[in-house]
Amino acid sequence: METTIDRLLPLASAAPWITGTECLPCSSKVRSWLLDQDSLTQKLQASAQSLQVKVRQQVILTDSEDSLSSHFASEKKVLVREVFLCCDDLPVVFAQTEIPFSTLTEQQAQLADIGTRSLGSILFKDPSMRRDQIEVAQFPLHSAVHQLCENLNQDSGFPLWGRRSLFYVNNKPLLVSEVFLPASGIYLT
């Protein structure tokens, strides 16, 4: 497992996350992708010839470091995994997962070593999995998310949207945050 940190994307602090999603200032197409409770992996697979997971990094944060979100601030160690979900080799979603080490016990220990497999393909097959409420955020121009898009050579001259939710497997939590990149196509009308 990698331990050096290539600057983690500060998704938790880059925009305000909201739960009241009735009046989102976005198109119905964007809203439908943000609020979809089903597997994003399956949805992306249905819209492409191939889906790949490219791992940006997987690191361990300790209690001496700032946590990304407040969900696991009291944990001594949190595993953070950042990946790109790519449709036909084009990054369309950036995903960041926070898993406290207290979750990585028993059967859930496998979550630390999934490599290029999609987390969603594992979570949505687990009969004990439940998902908490979806929160959404709009990332304004010039945010860290936009810098990431620039590095990917994706034009992002407009606000981008993301979502996050806590998942529980055998009542053990993990936080999954996903940002829809310009190449996702959800912003096209």
C-alpha atoms as a PDB file:
ATOM      1  CA  MET A   1       0.000   0.000   0.000  1.00  0.00           C
ATOM      2  CA  GLU A   2       1.345   3.407  -0.975  1.00  0.00           C
ATOM      3  CA  THR A   3       2.111   5.803   1.864  1.00  0.00           C
ATOM      4  CA  THR A   4       3.403   8.947   0.143  1.00  0.00           C
ATOM      5  CA  ILE A   5       0.704  11.468  -0.557  1.00  0.00           C
ATOM      6  CA  ASP A   6       0.273  13.195  -3.883  1.00  0.00           C
ATOM      7  CA  ARG A   7      -1.920  16.110  -2.791  1.00  0.00           C
ATOM      8  CA  LEU A   8      -5.358  14.689  -1.983  1.00  0.00           C
ATOM      9  CA  LEU A   9      -8.237  16.538  -3.554  1.00  0.00           C
ATOM     10  CA  PRO A  10     -10.023  18.502  -0.780  1.00  0.00           C
ATOM     11  CA  LEU A  11     -13.555  17.540  -1.836  1.00  0.00           C
ATOM     12  CA  ALA A  12     -15.017  17.951   1.633  1.00  0.00           C
ATOM     13  CA  SER A  13     -13.941  21.596   1.894  1.00  0.00           C
ATOM     14  CA  ALA A  14     -14.031  22.653  -1.783  1.00  0.00           C
ATOM     15  CA  ALA A  15     -17.778  23.303  -1.791  1.00  0.00           C
ATOM     16  CA  PRO A  16     -20.731  23.215   0.610  1.00  0.00           C
ATOM     17  CA  TRP A  17     -22.429  19.804   0.692  1.00  0.00           C
ATOM     18  CA  ILE A  18     -26.212  19.905   0.924  1.00  0.00           C
ATOM     19  CA  THR A  19     -28.848  17.302   1.650  1.00  0.00           C
ATOM     20  CA  GLY A  20     -31.962  19.262   0.676  1.00  0.00           C
ATOM     21  CA  THR A  21     -31.872  18.406  -3.004  1.00  0.00           C
ATOM     22  CA  GLU A  22     -35.368  19.410  -4.159  1.00  0.00           C
ATOM     23  CA  CYS A  23     -34.299  22.793  -5.566  1.00  0.00           C
ATOM     24  CA  LEU A  24     -30.909  22.052  -7.098  1.00  0.00           C
ATOM     25  CA  PRO A  25     -29.902  24.759  -9.603  1.00  0.00           C
ATOM     26  CA  CYS A  26     -29.009  22.217 -12.294  1.00  0.00           C
ATOM     27  CA  SER A  27     -30.627  20.500 -15.259  1.00  0.00           C
ATOM     28  CA  SER A  28     -32.901  17.512 -14.762  1.00  0.00           C
ATOM     29  CA  LYS A  29     -30.241  15.363 -16.480  1.00  0.00           C
ATOM     30  CA  VAL A  30     -27.570  16.372 -13.953  1.00  0.00           C
ATOM     31  CA  ARG A  31     -30.061  15.953 -11.092  1.00  0.00           C
ATOM     32  CA  SER A  32     -30.952  12.417 -12.232  1.00  0.00           C
ATOM     33  CA  TRP A  33     -27.275  11.369 -12.206  1.00  0.00           C
ATOM     34  CA  LEU A  34     -26.622  13.006  -8.833  1.00  0.00           C
ATOM     35  CA  LEU A  35     -29.586  11.463  -7.054  1.00  0.00           C
ATOM     36  CA  ASP A  36     -29.519   7.987  -8.611  1.00  0.00           C
ATOM     37  CA  GLN A  37     -29.400   5.418  -5.790  1.00  0.00           C
ATOM     38  CA  ASP A  38     -28.289   2.563  -8.041  1.00  0.00           C
ATOM     39  CA  SER A  39     -24.730   1.527  -8.870  1.00  0.00           C
ATOM     40  CA  LEU A  40     -22.830   4.243 -10.745  1.00  0.00           C
ATOM     41  CA  THR A  41     -20.507   1.512 -12.019  1.00  0.00           C
ATOM     42  CA  GLN A  42     -23.396  -0.268 -13.721  1.00  0.00           C
ATOM     43  CA  LYS A  43     -24.791   2.972 -15.106  1.00  0.00           C
ATOM     44  CA  LEU A  44     -21.423   3.904 -16.626  1.00  0.00           C
ATOM     45  CA  GLN A  45     -20.908   0.392 -17.999  1.00  0.00           C
ATOM     46  CA  ALA A  46     -24.249   0.688 -19.792  1.00  0.00           C
ATOM     47  CA  SER A  47     -23.162   3.954 -21.441  1.00  0.00           C
ATOM     48  CA  ALA A  48     -19.748   2.816 -22.726  1.00  0.00           C
ATOM     49  CA  GLN A  49     -18.051  -0.041 -24.506  1.00  0.00           C
ATOM     50  CA  SER A  50     -15.583  -0.419 -21.638  1.00  0.00           C
ATOM     51  CA  LEU A  51     -15.217   0.872 -18.095  1.00  0.00           C
ATOM     52  CA  GLN A  52     -11.788   1.115 -16.467  1.00  0.00           C
ATOM     53  CA  VAL A  53     -10.741   2.164 -12.982  1.00  0.00           C
ATOM     54  CA  LYS A  54      -7.473   4.101 -12.891  1.00  0.00           C
ATOM     55  CA  VAL A  55      -6.095   4.477  -9.389  1.00  0.00           C
ATOM     56  CA  ARG A  56      -4.686   7.961  -8.769  1.00  0.00           C
ATOM     57  CA  GLN A  57      -3.476   7.023  -5.299  1.00  0.00           C
ATOM     58  CA  GLN A  58      -4.291   5.081  -2.180  1.00  0.00           C
ATOM     59  CA  VAL A  59      -2.880   6.417   1.079  1.00  0.00           C
ATOM     60  CA  ILE A  60      -3.285   6.182   4.829  1.00  0.00           C
ATOM     61  CA  LEU A  61      -4.046   9.295   6.850  1.00  0.00           C
ATOM     62  CA  THR A  62      -3.169   9.199  10.539  1.00  0.00           C
ATOM     63  CA  ASP A  63      -4.611  11.165  13.437  1.00  0.00           C
ATOM     64  CA  SER A  64      -1.701  13.582  13.194  1.00  0.00           C
ATOM     65  CA  GLU A  65      -2.910  14.742   9.786  1.00  0.00           C
ATOM     66  CA  ASP A  66      -5.997  16.693   8.835  1.00  0.00           C
ATOM     67  CA  SER A  67      -8.884  14.424   7.934  1.00  0.00           C
ATOM     68  CA  LEU A  68     -10.645  15.047   4.649  1.00  0.00           C
ATOM     69  CA  SER A  69     -14.206  15.040   5.919  1.00  0.00           C
ATOM     70  CA  SER A  70     -15.546  15.358   9.426  1.00  0.00           C
ATOM     71  CA  HIS A  71     -17.137  11.891   9.263  1.00  0.00           C
ATOM     72  CA  PHE A  72     -14.035  10.084  10.516  1.00  0.00           C
ATOM     73  CA  ALA A  73     -12.130  12.853  12.310  1.00  0.00           C
ATOM     74  CA  SER A  74     -11.954  10.778  15.517  1.00  0.00           C
ATOM     75  CA  GLU A  75     -10.419   7.750  13.773  1.00  0.00           C
ATOM     76  CA  LYS A  76      -6.700   7.060  14.271  1.00  0.00           C
ATOM     77  CA  LYS A  77      -6.207   5.855  10.671  1.00  0.00           C
ATOM     78  CA  VAL A  78      -8.250   6.341   7.510  1.00  0.00           C
ATOM     79  CA  LEU A  79      -7.534   4.754   4.163  1.00  0.00           C
ATOM     80  CA  VAL A  80      -8.145   7.187   1.289  1.00  0.00           C
ATOM     81  CA  ARG A  81      -8.461   5.931  -2.263  1.00  0.00           C
ATOM     82  CA  GLU A  82      -8.715   8.249  -5.261  1.00  0.00           C
ATOM     83  CA  VAL A  83      -9.628   6.857  -8.667  1.00  0.00           C
ATOM     84  CA  PHE A  84     -10.843   7.897 -12.073  1.00  0.00           C
ATOM     85  CA  LEU A  85     -13.725   5.975 -13.589  1.00  0.00           C
ATOM     86  CA  CYS A  86     -13.003   5.950 -17.304  1.00  0.00           C
ATOM     87  CA  CYS A  87     -15.439   5.185 -20.094  1.00  0.00           C
ATOM     88  CA  ASP A  88     -13.565   4.017 -23.169  1.00  0.00           C
ATOM     89  CA  ASP A  89     -10.290   5.308 -21.636  1.00  0.00           C
ATOM     90  CA  LEU A  90     -11.697   8.808 -20.967  1.00  0.00           C
ATOM     91  CA  PRO A  91     -11.938   9.919 -17.289  1.00  0.00           C
ATOM     92  CA  VAL A  92     -15.595  10.742 -16.614  1.00  0.00           C
ATOM     93  CA  VAL A  93     -15.818  10.532 -12.804  1.00  0.00           C
ATOM     94  CA  PHE A  94     -13.324  11.284 -10.068  1.00  0.00           C
ATOM     95  CA  ALA A  95     -14.061   9.248  -6.935  1.00  0.00           C
ATOM     96  CA  GLN A  96     -12.586   9.585  -3.473  1.00  0.00           C
ATOM     97  CA  THR A  97     -13.286   7.008  -0.792  1.00  0.00           C
ATOM     98  CA  GLU A  98     -12.544   7.355   2.914  1.00  0.00           C
ATOM     99  CA  ILE A  99     -12.492   4.099   4.883  1.00  0.00           C
ATOM    100  CA  PRO A 100     -11.688   4.176   8.593  1.00  0.00           C
ATOM    101  CA  PHE A 101      -9.420   1.340   9.689  1.00  0.00           C
ATOM    102  CA  SER A 102     -12.158   0.217  12.093  1.00  0.00           C
ATOM    103  CA  THR A 103     -14.173  -0.699   8.984  1.00  0.00           C
ATOM    104  CA  LEU A 104     -11.291  -2.721   7.498  1.00  0.00           C
ATOM    105  CA  THR A 105     -11.789  -5.773   9.713  1.00  0.00           C
ATOM    106  CA  GLU A 106     -13.072  -9.259   8.966  1.00  0.00           C
ATOM    107  CA  GLN A 107     -14.567  -9.584   5.479  1.00  0.00           C
ATOM    108  CA  GLN A 108     -14.252  -5.818   4.852  1.00  0.00           C
ATOM    109  CA  ALA A 109     -10.439  -6.024   5.010  1.00  0.00           C
ATOM    110  CA  GLN A 110     -10.603  -6.839   1.281  1.00  0.00           C
ATOM    111  CA  LEU A 111     -11.636  -3.226   0.580  1.00  0.00           C
ATOM    112  CA  ALA A 112      -8.041  -2.138   1.181  1.00  0.00           C
ATOM    113  CA  ASP A 113      -6.755  -4.240  -1.713  1.00  0.00           C
ATOM    114  CA  ILE A 114      -9.210  -4.008  -4.600  1.00  0.00           C
ATOM    115  CA  GLY A 115      -6.692  -2.585  -7.063  1.00  0.00           C
ATOM    116  CA  THR A 116      -8.363  -1.532 -10.300  1.00  0.00           C
ATOM    117  CA  ARG A 117     -11.720  -3.093  -9.466  1.00  0.00           C
ATOM    118  CA  SER A 118     -14.619  -0.723  -9.008  1.00  0.00           C
ATOM    119  CA  LEU A 119     -15.677  -0.244  -5.382  1.00  0.00           C
ATOM    120  CA  GLY A 120     -19.287  -0.087  -6.563  1.00  0.00           C
ATOM    121  CA  SER A 121     -19.028  -3.548  -8.109  1.00  0.00           C
ATOM    122  CA  ILE A 122     -18.173  -4.850  -4.631  1.00  0.00           C
ATOM    123  CA  LEU A 123     -20.551  -2.753  -2.526  1.00  0.00           C
ATOM    124  CA  PHE A 124     -23.661  -3.346  -4.599  1.00  0.00           C
ATOM    125  CA  LYS A 125     -23.142  -7.141  -4.483  1.00  0.00           C
ATOM    126  CA  ASP A 126     -22.913  -7.168  -0.688  1.00  0.00           C
ATOM    127  CA  PRO A 127     -26.333  -8.045   0.805  1.00  0.00           C
ATOM    128  CA  SER A 128     -25.463  -6.202   4.040  1.00  0.00           C
ATOM    129  CA  MET A 129     -24.778  -2.917   2.194  1.00  0.00           C
ATOM    130  CA  ARG A 130     -26.967   0.076   2.863  1.00  0.00           C
ATOM    131  CA  ARG A 131     -26.555   3.618   1.647  1.00  0.00           C
ATOM    132  CA  ASP A 132     -27.236   6.743   3.661  1.00  0.00           C
ATOM    133  CA  GLN A 133     -28.696   9.932   2.218  1.00  0.00           C
ATOM    134  CA  ILE A 134     -26.965  11.426  -0.828  1.00  0.00           C
ATOM    135  CA  GLU A 135     -25.417  14.867  -0.368  1.00  0.00           C
ATOM    136  CA  VAL A 136     -24.559  17.017  -3.377  1.00  0.00           C
ATOM    137  CA  ALA A 137     -22.175  19.902  -4.001  1.00  0.00           C
ATOM    138  CA  GLN A 138     -21.561  22.340  -6.808  1.00  0.00           C
ATOM    139  CA  PHE A 139     -17.866  23.069  -7.328  1.00  0.00           C
ATOM    140  CA  PRO A 140     -17.359  26.677  -8.453  1.00  0.00           C
ATOM    141  CA  LEU A 141     -14.978  27.756 -11.170  1.00  0.00           C
ATOM    142  CA  HIS A 142     -11.306  27.786 -10.136  1.00  0.00           C
ATOM    143  CA  SER A 143     -11.823  25.099  -7.484  1.00  0.00           C
ATOM    144  CA  ALA A 144      -9.376  22.238  -6.949  1.00  0.00           C
ATOM    145  CA  VAL A 145     -11.740  20.075  -8.997  1.00  0.00           C
ATOM    146  CA  HIS A 146     -11.356  22.449 -11.951  1.00  0.00           C
ATOM    147  CA  GLN A 147      -7.570  22.305 -11.628  1.00  0.00           C
ATOM    148  CA  LEU A 148      -7.846  18.523 -11.814  1.00  0.00           C
ATOM    149  CA  CYS A 149      -9.917  18.847 -15.006  1.00  0.00           C
ATOM    150  CA  GLU A 150      -7.333  21.193 -16.475  1.00  0.00           C
ATOM    151  CA  ASN A 151      -4.637  18.602 -15.743  1.00  0.00           C
ATOM    152  CA  LEU A 152      -6.798  16.056 -17.607  1.00  0.00           C
ATOM    153  CA  ASN A 153      -7.184  18.456 -20.582  1.00  0.00           C
ATOM    154  CA  GLN A 154     -10.932  18.670 -20.025  1.00  0.00           C
ATOM    155  CA  ASP A 155     -12.537  22.074 -20.534  1.00  0.00           C
ATOM    156  CA  SER A 156     -14.306  23.023 -17.331  1.00  0.00           C
ATOM    157  CA  GLY A 157     -15.443  26.583 -17.871  1.00  0.00           C
ATOM    158  CA  PHE A 158     -18.601  25.901 -15.855  1.00  0.00           C
ATOM    159  CA  PRO A 159     -19.436  24.705 -12.337  1.00  0.00           C
ATOM    160  CA  LEU A 160     -19.177  20.965 -11.779  1.00  0.00           C
ATOM    161  CA  TRP A 161     -21.332  18.729  -9.609  1.00  0.00           C
ATOM    162  CA  GLY A 162     -20.522  15.960  -7.186  1.00  0.00           C
ATOM    163  CA  ARG A 163     -22.253  13.717  -4.724  1.00  0.00           C
ATOM    164  CA  ARG A 164     -21.297  11.753  -1.664  1.00  0.00           C
ATOM    165  CA  SER A 165     -22.860   9.334   0.733  1.00  0.00           C
ATOM    166  CA  LEU A 166     -21.973   7.079   3.575  1.00  0.00           C
ATOM    167  CA  PHE A 167     -22.193   3.391   2.807  1.00  0.00           C
ATOM    168  CA  TYR A 168     -22.392   0.720   5.480  1.00  0.00           C
ATOM    169  CA  VAL A 169     -21.220  -2.856   5.011  1.00  0.00           C
ATOM    170  CA  ASN A 170     -22.039  -5.047   8.011  1.00  0.00           C
ATOM    171  CA  ASN A 171     -22.853  -1.752   9.751  1.00  0.00           C
ATOM    172  CA  LYS A 172     -19.302  -0.452   9.168  1.00  0.00           C
ATOM    173  CA  PRO A 173     -19.083   2.978   7.478  1.00  0.00           C
ATOM    174  CA  LEU A 174     -17.155   4.321   4.516  1.00  0.00           C
ATOM    175  CA  LEU A 175     -17.637   7.584   2.639  1.00  0.00           C
ATOM    176  CA  VAL A 176     -17.742   7.682  -1.165  1.00  0.00           C
ATOM    177  CA  SER A 177     -17.528  11.054  -2.948  1.00  0.00           C
ATOM    178  CA  GLU A 178     -17.889  11.302  -6.724  1.00  0.00           C
ATOM    179  CA  VAL A 179     -17.402  14.283  -9.022  1.00  0.00           C
ATOM    180  CA  PHE A 180     -18.782  14.196 -12.540  1.00  0.00           C
ATOM    181  CA  LEU A 181     -16.063  15.468 -14.871  1.00  0.00           C
ATOM    182  CA  PRO A 182     -16.811  17.484 -18.035  1.00  0.00           C
ATOM    183  CA  ALA A 183     -16.257  14.392 -20.215  1.00  0.00           C
ATOM    184  CA  SER A 184     -19.057  12.559 -18.389  1.00  0.00           C
ATOM    185  CA  GLY A 185     -21.559  14.084 -20.788  1.00  0.00           C
ATOM    186  CA  ILE A 186     -24.086  14.821 -18.046  1.00  0.00           C
ATOM    187  CA  TYR A 187     -23.683  18.577 -18.559  1.00  0.00           C
ATOM    188  CA  LEU A 188     -24.721  18.444 -22.219  1.00  0.00           C
ATOM    189  CA  THR A 189     -28.314  19.434 -22.806  1.00  0.00           C
END
